[in-house]
Amino acid sequence: DNQDLRRYGGLISFLPLTYTVILIASLSLVAFPFMTGFYS
């Protein structure tokens, strides 16, 4: 239940699925081509 980014790091090995979905959501947020957020 910690929310401080400064206490994170290296969680890709422990949370690969979470990393994948957050990466997808972030790419859509920044309007990366052909992601959902890009078209609008």
Full PDB file with SEQRES, HELIX, SHEET, SSBOND, CRYST1, ORIGX, SCALE, CONECT and MASTER records, all heavy atoms in Angstrom:
SEQRES   1 A   40  ASP ASN GLN ASP LEU ARG ARG TYR GLY GLY LEU ILE SER          
SEQRES   2 A   40  PHE LEU PRO LEU THR TYR THR VAL ILE LEU ILE ALA SER          
SEQRES   3 A   40  LEU SER LEU VAL ALA PHE PRO PHE MET THR GLY PHE TYR          
SEQRES   4 A   40  SER                                                          
HELIX    1 AA1 LEU A    5  ARG A    7  5                                   3    
HELIX    2 AA2 PRO A   16  LEU A   29  1                                  14    
HELIX    3 AA3 THR A   36  TYR A   39  1                                   4    
CRYST1    1.000    1.000    1.000  90.00  90.00  90.00 P 1           1          
ORIGX1      1.000000  0.000000  0.000000        0.00000                         
ORIGX2      0.000000  1.000000  0.000000        0.00000                         
ORIGX3      0.000000  0.000000  1.000000        0.00000                         
SCALE1      1.000000  0.000000  0.000000        0.00000                         
SCALE2      0.000000  1.000000  0.000000        0.00000                         
SCALE3      0.000000  0.000000  1.000000        0.00000                         
ATOM      1  N   ASP A   1       0.798  -1.227   0.000  1.00  0.00           N  
ATOM      2  CA  ASP A   1       0.000   0.000   0.000  1.00  0.00           C  
ATOM      3  C   ASP A   1       0.831   1.277   0.000  1.00  0.00           C  
ATOM      4  O   ASP A   1       0.388   2.313   0.501  1.00  0.00           O  
ATOM      5  CB  ASP A   1      -0.961   0.011   1.191  1.00  0.00           C  
ATOM      6  CG  ASP A   1      -1.983  -1.103   1.123  1.00  0.00           C  
ATOM      7  OD1 ASP A   1      -2.309  -1.550   0.014  1.00  0.00           O  
ATOM      8  OD2 ASP A   1      -2.456  -1.553   2.184  1.00  0.00           O  
ATOM      9  N   ASN A   2       2.002   1.215  -0.560  1.00  0.00           N  
ATOM     10  CA  ASN A   2       2.826   2.416  -0.683  1.00  0.00           C  
ATOM     11  C   ASN A   2       2.565   3.075  -2.035  1.00  0.00           C  
ATOM     12  O   ASN A   2       2.513   2.398  -3.059  1.00  0.00           O  
ATOM     13  CB  ASN A   2       4.316   2.064  -0.556  1.00  0.00           C  
ATOM     14  CG  ASN A   2       5.201   3.284  -0.746  1.00  0.00           C  
ATOM     15  OD1 ASN A   2       5.013   4.302  -0.101  1.00  0.00           O  
ATOM     16  ND2 ASN A   2       6.151   3.170  -1.654  1.00  0.00           N  
ATOM     17  N   GLN A   3       2.406   4.407  -2.066  1.00  0.00           N  
ATOM     18  CA  GLN A   3       2.086   5.128  -3.290  1.00  0.00           C  
ATOM     19  C   GLN A   3       3.210   6.043  -3.759  1.00  0.00           C  
ATOM     20  O   GLN A   3       3.064   6.712  -4.781  1.00  0.00           O  
ATOM     21  CB  GLN A   3       0.807   5.953  -3.097  1.00  0.00           C  
ATOM     22  CG  GLN A   3      -0.415   5.110  -2.784  1.00  0.00           C  
ATOM     23  CD  GLN A   3      -1.674   5.930  -2.602  1.00  0.00           C  
ATOM     24  OE1 GLN A   3      -2.694   5.431  -2.090  1.00  0.00           O  
ATOM     25  NE2 GLN A   3      -1.657   7.184  -3.030  1.00  0.00           N  
ATOM     26  N   ASP A   4       4.324   6.064  -3.054  1.00  0.00           N  
ATOM     27  CA  ASP A   4       5.435   6.958  -3.374  1.00  0.00           C  
ATOM     28  C   ASP A   4       6.305   6.324  -4.465  1.00  0.00           C  
ATOM     29  O   ASP A   4       6.868   5.244  -4.266  1.00  0.00           O  
ATOM     30  CB  ASP A   4       6.261   7.249  -2.129  1.00  0.00           C  
ATOM     31  CG  ASP A   4       7.213   8.423  -2.321  1.00  0.00           C  
ATOM     32  OD1 ASP A   4       7.521   8.777  -3.482  1.00  0.00           O  
ATOM     33  OD2 ASP A   4       7.645   9.000  -1.310  1.00  0.00           O  
ATOM     34  N   LEU A   5       6.406   6.989  -5.602  1.00  0.00           N  
ATOM     35  CA  LEU A   5       7.227   6.475  -6.699  1.00  0.00           C  
ATOM     36  C   LEU A   5       8.679   6.295  -6.310  1.00  0.00           C  
ATOM     37  O   LEU A   5       9.372   5.427  -6.858  1.00  0.00           O  
ATOM     38  CB  LEU A   5       7.134   7.411  -7.907  1.00  0.00           C  
ATOM     39  CG  LEU A   5       5.838   7.402  -8.730  1.00  0.00           C  
ATOM     40  CD1 LEU A   5       5.882   8.523  -9.746  1.00  0.00           C  
ATOM     41  CD2 LEU A   5       5.668   6.067  -9.431  1.00  0.00           C  
ATOM     42  N   ARG A   6       9.141   7.121  -5.389  1.00  0.00           N  
ATOM     43  CA  ARG A   6      10.549   7.080  -5.005  1.00  0.00           C  
ATOM     44  C   ARG A   6      10.915   5.827  -4.222  1.00  0.00           C  
ATOM     45  O   ARG A   6      12.089   5.558  -3.995  1.00  0.00           O  
ATOM     46  CB  ARG A   6      10.910   8.331  -4.204  1.00  0.00           C  
ATOM     47  CG  ARG A   6      10.796   9.621  -5.022  1.00  0.00           C  
ATOM     48  CD  ARG A   6      10.829  10.855  -4.165  1.00  0.00           C  
ATOM     49  NE  ARG A   6       9.663  10.957  -3.309  1.00  0.00           N  
ATOM     50  CZ  ARG A   6       9.390  12.001  -2.534  1.00  0.00           C  
ATOM     51  NH1 ARG A   6      10.205  13.050  -2.538  1.00  0.00           N  
ATOM     52  NH2 ARG A   6       8.301  12.003  -1.776  1.00  0.00           N  
ATOM     53  N   ARG A   7       9.885   5.076  -3.782  1.00  0.00           N  
ATOM     54  CA  ARG A   7      10.108   3.828  -3.048  1.00  0.00           C  
ATOM     55  C   ARG A   7       9.871   2.613  -3.932  1.00  0.00           C  
ATOM     56  O   ARG A   7       9.784   1.484  -3.441  1.00  0.00           O  
ATOM     57  CB  ARG A   7       9.204   3.768  -1.812  1.00  0.00           C  
ATOM     58  CG  ARG A   7       9.334   4.961  -0.871  1.00  0.00           C  
ATOM     59  CD  ARG A   7      10.694   5.074  -0.251  1.00  0.00           C  
ATOM     60  NE  ARG A   7      11.007   3.911   0.560  1.00  0.00           N  
ATOM     61  CZ  ARG A   7      10.645   3.761   1.832  1.00  0.00           C  
ATOM     62  NH1 ARG A   7       9.967   4.722   2.423  1.00  0.00           N  
ATOM     63  NH2 ARG A   7      10.969   2.687   2.528  1.00  0.00           N  
ATOM     64  N   TYR A   8       9.733   2.840  -5.229  1.00  0.00           N  
ATOM     65  CA  TYR A   8       9.545   1.748  -6.178  1.00  0.00           C  
ATOM     66  C   TYR A   8      10.868   1.433  -6.858  1.00  0.00           C  
ATOM     67  O   TYR A   8      11.937   1.774  -6.388  1.00  0.00           O  
ATOM     68  CB  TYR A   8       8.496   2.113  -7.230  1.00  0.00           C  
ATOM     69  CG  TYR A   8       7.080   2.269  -6.708  1.00  0.00           C  
ATOM     70  CD1 TYR A   8       6.089   2.833  -7.507  1.00  0.00           C  
ATOM     71  CD2 TYR A   8       6.739   1.863  -5.433  1.00  0.00           C  
ATOM     72  CE1 TYR A   8       4.796   2.984  -7.046  1.00  0.00           C  
ATOM     73  CE2 TYR A   8       5.440   1.991  -4.960  1.00  0.00           C  
ATOM     74  CZ  TYR A   8       4.470   2.569  -5.768  1.00  0.00           C  
ATOM     75  OH  TYR A   8       3.193   2.707  -5.314  1.00  0.00           O  
ATOM     76  N   GLY A   9      10.764   0.813  -8.009  1.00  0.00           N  
ATOM     77  CA  GLY A   9      11.924   0.495  -8.837  1.00  0.00           C  
ATOM     78  C   GLY A   9      12.120  -1.005  -8.987  1.00  0.00           C  
ATOM     79  O   GLY A   9      11.994  -1.765  -8.017  1.00  0.00           O  
ATOM     80  N   GLY A  10      12.457  -1.422 -10.209  1.00  0.00           N  
ATOM     81  CA  GLY A  10      12.785  -2.824 -10.458  1.00  0.00           C  
ATOM     82  C   GLY A  10      11.613  -3.778 -10.359  1.00  0.00           C  
ATOM     83  O   GLY A  10      11.818  -4.997 -10.231  1.00  0.00           O  
ATOM     84  N   LEU A  11      10.371  -3.279 -10.446  1.00  0.00           N  
ATOM     85  CA  LEU A  11       9.208  -4.149 -10.283  1.00  0.00           C  
ATOM     86  C   LEU A  11       8.822  -4.886 -11.556  1.00  0.00           C  
ATOM     87  O   LEU A  11       7.873  -5.674 -11.535  1.00  0.00           O  
ATOM     88  CB  LEU A  11       8.003  -3.332  -9.792  1.00  0.00           C  
ATOM     89  CG  LEU A  11       8.098  -2.784  -8.362  1.00  0.00           C  
ATOM     90  CD1 LEU A  11       6.892  -1.906  -8.048  1.00  0.00           C  
ATOM     91  CD2 LEU A  11       8.176  -3.930  -7.361  1.00  0.00           C  
ATOM     92  N   ILE A  12       9.531  -4.642 -12.659  1.00  0.00           N  
ATOM     93  CA  ILE A  12       9.196  -5.317 -13.905  1.00  0.00           C  
ATOM     94  C   ILE A  12       9.368  -6.825 -13.794  1.00  0.00           C  
ATOM     95  O   ILE A  12       8.621  -7.599 -14.415  1.00  0.00           O  
ATOM     96  CB  ILE A  12      10.037  -4.740 -15.072  1.00  0.00           C  
ATOM     97  CG1 ILE A  12       9.579  -5.315 -16.402  1.00  0.00           C  
ATOM     98  CG2 ILE A  12      11.521  -4.987 -14.834  1.00  0.00           C  
ATOM     99  CD1 ILE A  12      10.246  -4.666 -17.604  1.00  0.00           C  
ATOM    100  N   SER A  13      10.313  -7.272 -12.994  1.00  0.00           N  
ATOM    101  CA  SER A  13      10.545  -8.709 -12.827  1.00  0.00           C  
ATOM    102  C   SER A  13       9.476  -9.359 -11.952  1.00  0.00           C  
ATOM    103  O   SER A  13       9.226 -10.562 -12.079  1.00  0.00           O  
ATOM    104  CB  SER A  13      11.926  -8.951 -12.212  1.00  0.00           C  
ATOM    105  OG  SER A  13      12.946  -8.391 -13.017  1.00  0.00           O  
ATOM    106  N   PHE A  14       8.862  -8.590 -11.084  1.00  0.00           N  
ATOM    107  CA  PHE A  14       7.876  -9.121 -10.162  1.00  0.00           C  
ATOM    108  C   PHE A  14       6.444  -8.953 -10.678  1.00  0.00           C  
ATOM    109  O   PHE A  14       5.578  -9.756 -10.354  1.00  0.00           O  
ATOM    110  CB  PHE A  14       7.999  -8.432  -8.796  1.00  0.00           C  
ATOM    111  CG  PHE A  14       9.347  -8.558  -8.178  1.00  0.00           C  
ATOM    112  CD1 PHE A  14      10.341  -7.615  -8.428  1.00  0.00           C  
ATOM    113  CD2 PHE A  14       9.648  -9.623  -7.355  1.00  0.00           C  
ATOM    114  CE1 PHE A  14      11.600  -7.719  -7.849  1.00  0.00           C  
ATOM    115  CE2 PHE A  14      10.901  -9.746  -6.769  1.00  0.00           C  
ATOM    116  CZ  PHE A  14      11.881  -8.790  -7.034  1.00  0.00           C  
ATOM    117  N   LEU A  15       6.220  -7.904 -11.477  1.00  0.00           N  
ATOM    118  CA  LEU A  15       4.876  -7.593 -11.968  1.00  0.00           C  
ATOM    119  C   LEU A  15       4.894  -7.428 -13.485  1.00  0.00           C  
ATOM    120  O   LEU A  15       4.636  -6.337 -14.002  1.00  0.00           O  
ATOM    121  CB  LEU A  15       4.341  -6.318 -11.302  1.00  0.00           C  
ATOM    122  CG  LEU A  15       4.358  -6.257  -9.766  1.00  0.00           C  
ATOM    123  CD1 LEU A  15       3.991  -4.866  -9.287  1.00  0.00           C  
ATOM    124  CD2 LEU A  15       3.417  -7.291  -9.179  1.00  0.00           C  
ATOM    125  N   PRO A  16       5.186  -8.470 -14.248  1.00  0.00           N  
ATOM    126  CA  PRO A  16       5.275  -8.307 -15.709  1.00  0.00           C  
ATOM    127  C   PRO A  16       3.931  -7.949 -16.349  1.00  0.00           C  
ATOM    128  O   PRO A  16       3.880  -7.137 -17.275  1.00  0.00           O  
ATOM    129  CB  PRO A  16       5.782  -9.671 -16.183  1.00  0.00           C  
ATOM    130  CG  PRO A  16       5.424 -10.621 -15.084  1.00  0.00           C  
ATOM    131  CD  PRO A  16       5.483  -9.841 -13.820  1.00  0.00           C  
ATOM    132  N   LEU A  17       2.843  -8.543 -15.880  1.00  0.00           N  
ATOM    133  CA  LEU A  17       1.532  -8.224 -16.443  1.00  0.00           C  
ATOM    134  C   LEU A  17       1.145  -6.777 -16.151  1.00  0.00           C  
ATOM    135  O   LEU A  17       0.658  -6.063 -17.051  1.00  0.00           O  
ATOM    136  CB  LEU A  17       0.475  -9.175 -15.888  1.00  0.00           C  
ATOM    137  CG  LEU A  17      -0.970  -8.894 -16.327  1.00  0.00           C  
ATOM    138  CD1 LEU A  17      -1.108  -9.048 -17.842  1.00  0.00           C  
ATOM    139  CD2 LEU A  17      -1.965  -9.795 -15.603  1.00  0.00           C  
ATOM    140  N   THR A  18       1.352  -6.340 -14.925  1.00  0.00           N  
ATOM    141  CA  THR A  18       1.038  -4.961 -14.561  1.00  0.00           C  
ATOM    142  C   THR A  18       1.874  -3.984 -15.367  1.00  0.00           C  
ATOM    143  O   THR A  18       1.375  -2.954 -15.823  1.00  0.00           O  
ATOM    144  CB  THR A  18       1.266  -4.753 -13.059  1.00  0.00           C  
ATOM    145  OG1 THR A  18       0.502  -5.706 -12.325  1.00  0.00           O  
ATOM    146  CG2 THR A  18       0.847  -3.360 -12.645  1.00  0.00           C  
ATOM    147  N   TYR A  19       3.146  -4.306 -15.555  1.00  0.00           N  
ATOM    148  CA  TYR A  19       4.007  -3.457 -16.369  1.00  0.00           C  
ATOM    149  C   TYR A  19       3.491  -3.358 -17.798  1.00  0.00           C  
ATOM    150  O   TYR A  19       3.452  -2.265 -18.390  1.00  0.00           O  
ATOM    151  CB  TYR A  19       5.432  -4.001 -16.363  1.00  0.00           C  
ATOM    152  CG  TYR A  19       6.318  -3.411 -17.430  1.00  0.00           C  
ATOM    153  CD1 TYR A  19       6.783  -2.100 -17.338  1.00  0.00           C  
ATOM    154  CD2 TYR A  19       6.679  -4.154 -18.559  1.00  0.00           C  
ATOM    155  CE1 TYR A  19       7.582  -1.555 -18.326  1.00  0.00           C  
ATOM    156  CE2 TYR A  19       7.480  -3.627 -19.544  1.00  0.00           C  
ATOM    157  CZ  TYR A  19       7.928  -2.322 -19.430  1.00  0.00           C  
ATOM    158  OH  TYR A  19       8.718  -1.788 -20.413  1.00  0.00           O  
ATOM    159  N   THR A  20       3.051  -4.461 -18.348  1.00  0.00           N  
ATOM    160  CA  THR A  20       2.563  -4.488 -19.727  1.00  0.00           C  
ATOM    161  C   THR A  20       1.323  -3.620 -19.888  1.00  0.00           C  
ATOM    162  O   THR A  20       1.226  -2.813 -20.821  1.00  0.00           O  
ATOM    163  CB  THR A  20       2.263  -5.929 -20.157  1.00  0.00           C  
ATOM    164  OG1 THR A  20       3.436  -6.731 -19.996  1.00  0.00           O  
ATOM    165  CG2 THR A  20       1.811  -5.969 -21.607  1.00  0.00           C  
ATOM    166  N   VAL A  21       0.369  -3.772 -18.980  1.00  0.00           N  
ATOM    167  CA  VAL A  21      -0.886  -3.016 -19.122  1.00  0.00           C  
ATOM    168  C   VAL A  21      -0.674  -1.531 -18.859  1.00  0.00           C  
ATOM    169  O   VAL A  21      -1.296  -0.686 -19.524  1.00  0.00           O  
ATOM    170  CB  VAL A  21      -1.979  -3.602 -18.199  1.00  0.00           C  
ATOM    171  CG1 VAL A  21      -2.285  -5.040 -18.594  1.00  0.00           C  
ATOM    172  CG2 VAL A  21      -1.600  -3.512 -16.738  1.00  0.00           C  
ATOM    173  N   ILE A  22       0.186  -1.172 -17.903  1.00  0.00           N  
ATOM    174  CA  ILE A  22       0.467   0.247 -17.664  1.00  0.00           C  
ATOM    175  C   ILE A  22       1.200   0.851 -18.859  1.00  0.00           C  
ATOM    176  O   ILE A  22       0.958   2.001 -19.235  1.00  0.00           O  
ATOM    177  CB  ILE A  22       1.271   0.421 -16.360  1.00  0.00           C  
ATOM    178  CG1 ILE A  22       0.375   0.132 -15.152  1.00  0.00           C  
ATOM    179  CG2 ILE A  22       1.841   1.828 -16.255  1.00  0.00           C  
ATOM    180  CD1 ILE A  22       1.058   0.304 -13.808  1.00  0.00           C  
ATOM    181  N   LEU A  23       2.078   0.078 -19.480  1.00  0.00           N  
ATOM    182  CA  LEU A  23       2.768   0.554 -20.686  1.00  0.00           C  
ATOM    183  C   LEU A  23       1.765   0.797 -21.810  1.00  0.00           C  
ATOM    184  O   LEU A  23       1.833   1.816 -22.505  1.00  0.00           O  
ATOM    185  CB  LEU A  23       3.822  -0.464 -21.122  1.00  0.00           C  
ATOM    186  CG  LEU A  23       4.606  -0.116 -22.400  1.00  0.00           C  
ATOM    187  CD1 LEU A  23       5.397   1.179 -22.207  1.00  0.00           C  
ATOM    188  CD2 LEU A  23       5.538  -1.260 -22.792  1.00  0.00           C  
ATOM    189  N   ILE A  24       0.817  -0.130 -21.981  1.00  0.00           N  
ATOM    190  CA  ILE A  24      -0.212   0.041 -23.011  1.00  0.00           C  
ATOM    191  C   ILE A  24      -1.053   1.279 -22.725  1.00  0.00           C  
ATOM    192  O   ILE A  24      -1.329   2.093 -23.620  1.00  0.00           O  
ATOM    193  CB  ILE A  24      -1.090  -1.226 -23.086  1.00  0.00           C  
ATOM    194  CG1 ILE A  24      -0.280  -2.395 -23.640  1.00  0.00           C  
ATOM    195  CG2 ILE A  24      -2.330  -0.978 -23.945  1.00  0.00           C  
ATOM    196  CD1 ILE A  24      -1.005  -3.725 -23.559  1.00  0.00           C  
ATOM    197  N   ALA A  25      -1.474   1.446 -21.474  1.00  0.00           N  
ATOM    198  CA  ALA A  25      -2.286   2.609 -21.102  1.00  0.00           C  
ATOM    199  C   ALA A  25      -1.511   3.909 -21.281  1.00  0.00           C  
ATOM    200  O   ALA A  25      -2.065   4.913 -21.739  1.00  0.00           O  
ATOM    201  CB  ALA A  25      -2.768   2.463 -19.660  1.00  0.00           C  
ATOM    202  N   SER A  26      -0.230   3.909 -20.943  1.00  0.00           N  
ATOM    203  CA  SER A  26       0.589   5.114 -21.086  1.00  0.00           C  
ATOM    204  C   SER A  26       0.787   5.470 -22.555  1.00  0.00           C  
ATOM    205  O   SER A  26       0.751   6.647 -22.926  1.00  0.00           O  
ATOM    206  CB  SER A  26       1.937   4.916 -20.391  1.00  0.00           C  
ATOM    207  OG  SER A  26       1.769   4.699 -19.001  1.00  0.00           O  
ATOM    208  N   LEU A  27       1.001   4.461 -23.393  1.00  0.00           N  
ATOM    209  CA  LEU A  27       1.129   4.725 -24.826  1.00  0.00           C  
ATOM    210  C   LEU A  27      -0.158   5.296 -25.394  1.00  0.00           C  
ATOM    211  O   LEU A  27      -0.131   6.188 -26.248  1.00  0.00           O  
ATOM    212  CB  LEU A  27       1.508   3.433 -25.559  1.00  0.00           C  
ATOM    213  CG  LEU A  27       2.925   2.901 -25.311  1.00  0.00           C  
ATOM    214  CD1 LEU A  27       3.116   1.560 -25.992  1.00  0.00           C  
ATOM    215  CD2 LEU A  27       3.973   3.901 -25.797  1.00  0.00           C  
ATOM    216  N   SER A  28      -1.283   4.804 -24.933  1.00  0.00           N  
ATOM    217  CA  SER A  28      -2.558   5.354 -25.374  1.00  0.00           C  
ATOM    218  C   SER A  28      -2.753   6.776 -24.854  1.00  0.00           C  
ATOM    219  O   SER A  28      -3.300   7.631 -25.548  1.00  0.00           O  
ATOM    220  CB  SER A  28      -3.692   4.450 -24.912  1.00  0.00           C  
ATOM    221  OG  SER A  28      -4.918   4.823 -25.491  1.00  0.00           O  
ATOM    222  N   LEU A  29      -2.287   7.028 -23.634  1.00  0.00           N  
ATOM    223  CA  LEU A  29      -2.408   8.365 -23.040  1.00  0.00           C  
ATOM    224  C   LEU A  29      -1.600   9.400 -23.808  1.00  0.00           C  
ATOM    225  O   LEU A  29      -2.063  10.523 -24.040  1.00  0.00           O  
ATOM    226  CB  LEU A  29      -1.961   8.319 -21.576  1.00  0.00           C  
ATOM    227  CG  LEU A  29      -1.845   9.645 -20.828  1.00  0.00           C  
ATOM    228  CD1 LEU A  29      -3.204  10.327 -20.723  1.00  0.00           C  
ATOM    229  CD2 LEU A  29      -1.261   9.434 -19.430  1.00  0.00           C  
ATOM    230  N   VAL A  30      -0.389   9.045 -24.210  1.00  0.00           N  
ATOM    231  CA  VAL A  30       0.477   9.988 -24.921  1.00  0.00           C  
ATOM    232  C   VAL A  30       0.181  10.031 -26.410  1.00  0.00           C  
ATOM    233  O   VAL A  30       0.888  10.678 -27.181  1.00  0.00           O  
ATOM    234  CB  VAL A  30       1.960   9.661 -24.682  1.00  0.00           C  
ATOM    235  CG1 VAL A  30       2.288   9.675 -23.214  1.00  0.00           C  
ATOM    236  CG2 VAL A  30       2.340   8.329 -25.312  1.00  0.00           C  
ATOM    237  N   ALA A  31      -0.901   9.325 -26.831  1.00  0.00           N  
ATOM    238  CA  ALA A  31      -1.340   9.306 -28.236  1.00  0.00           C  
ATOM    239  C   ALA A  31      -0.295   8.697 -29.162  1.00  0.00           C  
ATOM    240  O   ALA A  31       0.004   9.231 -30.244  1.00  0.00           O  
ATOM    241  CB  ALA A  31      -1.711  10.711 -28.701  1.00  0.00           C  
ATOM    242  N   PHE A  32       0.259   7.550 -28.738  1.00  0.00           N  
ATOM    243  CA  PHE A  32       1.162   6.830 -29.619  1.00  0.00           C  
ATOM    244  C   PHE A  32       0.358   6.297 -30.799  1.00  0.00           C  
ATOM    245  O   PHE A  32      -0.764   5.836 -30.637  1.00  0.00           O  
ATOM    246  CB  PHE A  32       1.841   5.688 -28.862  1.00  0.00           C  
ATOM    247  CG  PHE A  32       2.993   5.077 -29.590  1.00  0.00           C  
ATOM    248  CD1 PHE A  32       4.243   5.672 -29.545  1.00  0.00           C  
ATOM    249  CD2 PHE A  32       2.842   3.924 -30.334  1.00  0.00           C  
ATOM    250  CE1 PHE A  32       5.315   5.119 -30.229  1.00  0.00           C  
ATOM    251  CE2 PHE A  32       3.899   3.365 -31.016  1.00  0.00           C  
ATOM    252  CZ  PHE A  32       5.147   3.968 -30.965  1.00  0.00           C  
ATOM    253  N   PRO A  33       0.906   6.372 -32.005  1.00  0.00           N  
ATOM    254  CA  PRO A  33       0.140   5.967 -33.191  1.00  0.00           C  
ATOM    255  C   PRO A  33      -0.471   4.583 -33.085  1.00  0.00           C  
ATOM    256  O   PRO A  33       0.175   3.631 -32.632  1.00  0.00           O  
ATOM    257  CB  PRO A  33       1.187   6.040 -34.311  1.00  0.00           C  
ATOM    258  CG  PRO A  33       2.132   7.092 -33.857  1.00  0.00           C  
ATOM    259  CD  PRO A  33       2.215   6.947 -32.370  1.00  0.00           C  
ATOM    260  N   PHE A  34      -1.744   4.543 -33.503  1.00  0.00           N  
ATOM    261  CA  PHE A  34      -2.551   3.338 -33.610  1.00  0.00           C  
ATOM    262  C   PHE A  34      -2.994   2.767 -32.271  1.00  0.00           C  
ATOM    263  O   PHE A  34      -3.571   1.684 -32.231  1.00  0.00           O  
ATOM    264  CB  PHE A  34      -1.826   2.265 -34.427  1.00  0.00           C  
ATOM    265  CG  PHE A  34      -1.271   2.778 -35.722  1.00  0.00           C  
ATOM    266  CD1 PHE A  34       0.096   2.829 -35.949  1.00  0.00           C  
ATOM    267  CD2 PHE A  34      -2.122   3.259 -36.710  1.00  0.00           C  
ATOM    268  CE1 PHE A  34       0.606   3.327 -37.133  1.00  0.00           C  
ATOM    269  CE2 PHE A  34      -1.616   3.763 -37.907  1.00  0.00           C  
ATOM    270  CZ  PHE A  34      -0.251   3.806 -38.118  1.00  0.00           C  
ATOM    271  N   MET A  35      -2.758   3.507 -31.187  1.00  0.00           N  
ATOM    272  CA  MET A  35      -3.385   3.176 -29.922  1.00  0.00           C  
ATOM    273  C   MET A  35      -4.709   3.927 -29.821  1.00  0.00           C  
ATOM    274  O   MET A  35      -4.994   4.845 -30.592  1.00  0.00           O  
ATOM    275  CB  MET A  35      -2.475   3.538 -28.749  1.00  0.00           C  
ATOM    276  CG  MET A  35      -1.096   2.898 -28.813  1.00  0.00           C  
ATOM    277  SD  MET A  35      -1.127   1.107 -28.648  1.00  0.00           S  
ATOM    278  CE  MET A  35      -1.497   0.932 -26.923  1.00  0.00           C  
ATOM    279  N   THR A  36      -5.542   3.539 -28.879  1.00  0.00           N  
ATOM    280  CA  THR A  36      -6.877   4.121 -28.788  1.00  0.00           C  
ATOM    281  C   THR A  36      -6.845   5.631 -28.622  1.00  0.00           C  
ATOM    282  O   THR A  36      -7.585   6.360 -29.295  1.00  0.00           O  
ATOM    283  CB  THR A  36      -7.643   3.473 -27.618  1.00  0.00           C  
ATOM    284  OG1 THR A  36      -8.012   2.144 -27.972  1.00  0.00           O  
ATOM    285  CG2 THR A  36      -8.908   4.254 -27.301  1.00  0.00           C  
ATOM    286  N   GLY A  37      -6.006   6.131 -27.731  1.00  0.00           N  
ATOM    287  CA  GLY A  37      -5.952   7.566 -27.486  1.00  0.00           C  
ATOM    288  C   GLY A  37      -5.452   8.382 -28.652  1.00  0.00           C  
ATOM    289  O   GLY A  37      -5.723   9.587 -28.737  1.00  0.00           O  
ATOM    290  N   PHE A  38      -4.743   7.752 -29.576  1.00  0.00           N  
ATOM    291  CA  PHE A  38      -4.175   8.468 -30.717  1.00  0.00           C  
ATOM    292  C   PHE A  38      -5.251   9.039 -31.625  1.00  0.00           C  
ATOM    293  O   PHE A  38      -5.137  10.176 -32.105  1.00  0.00           O  
ATOM    294  CB  PHE A  38      -3.259   7.522 -31.498  1.00  0.00           C  
ATOM    295  CG  PHE A  38      -2.871   8.017 -32.861  1.00  0.00           C  
ATOM    296  CD1 PHE A  38      -1.912   8.994 -33.009  1.00  0.00           C  
ATOM    297  CD2 PHE A  38      -3.482   7.502 -33.998  1.00  0.00           C  
ATOM    298  CE1 PHE A  38      -1.557   9.454 -34.269  1.00  0.00           C  
ATOM    299  CE2 PHE A  38      -3.126   7.950 -35.255  1.00  0.00           C  
ATOM    300  CZ  PHE A  38      -2.171   8.930 -35.393  1.00  0.00           C  
ATOM    301  N   TYR A  39      -6.297   8.272 -31.867  1.00  0.00           N  
ATOM    302  CA  TYR A  39      -7.296   8.654 -32.859  1.00  0.00           C  
ATOM    303  C   TYR A  39      -8.123   9.859 -32.435  1.00  0.00           C  
ATOM    304  O   TYR A  39      -8.664  10.560 -33.278  1.00  0.00           O  
ATOM    305  CB  TYR A  39      -8.210   7.463 -33.153  1.00  0.00           C  
ATOM    306  CG  TYR A  39      -7.490   6.314 -33.804  1.00  0.00           C  
ATOM    307  CD1 TYR A  39      -7.047   5.236 -33.050  1.00  0.00           C  
ATOM    308  CD2 TYR A  39      -7.238   6.309 -35.161  1.00  0.00           C  
ATOM    309  CE1 TYR A  39      -6.378   4.182 -33.629  1.00  0.00           C  
ATOM    310  CE2 TYR A  39      -6.559   5.261 -35.759  1.00  0.00           C  
ATOM    311  CZ  TYR A  39      -6.125   4.214 -34.985  1.00  0.00           C  
ATOM    312  OH  TYR A  39      -5.441   3.167 -35.575  1.00  0.00           O  
ATOM    313  N   SER A  40      -8.230  10.119 -31.164  1.00  0.00           N  
ATOM    314  CA  SER A  40      -8.989  11.275 -30.707  1.00  0.00           C  
ATOM    315  C   SER A  40      -8.084  12.443 -30.329  1.00  0.00           C  
ATOM    316  O   SER A  40      -8.319  13.582 -30.758  1.00  0.00           O  
ATOM    317  CB  SER A  40      -9.866  10.893 -29.518  1.00  0.00           C  
ATOM    318  OG  SER A  40      -9.097  10.281 -28.497  1.00  0.00           O  
TER     319      SER A  40                                                      
MASTER        0    0    0    3    0    0    0    6  318    1    0    4          
END                                                                             
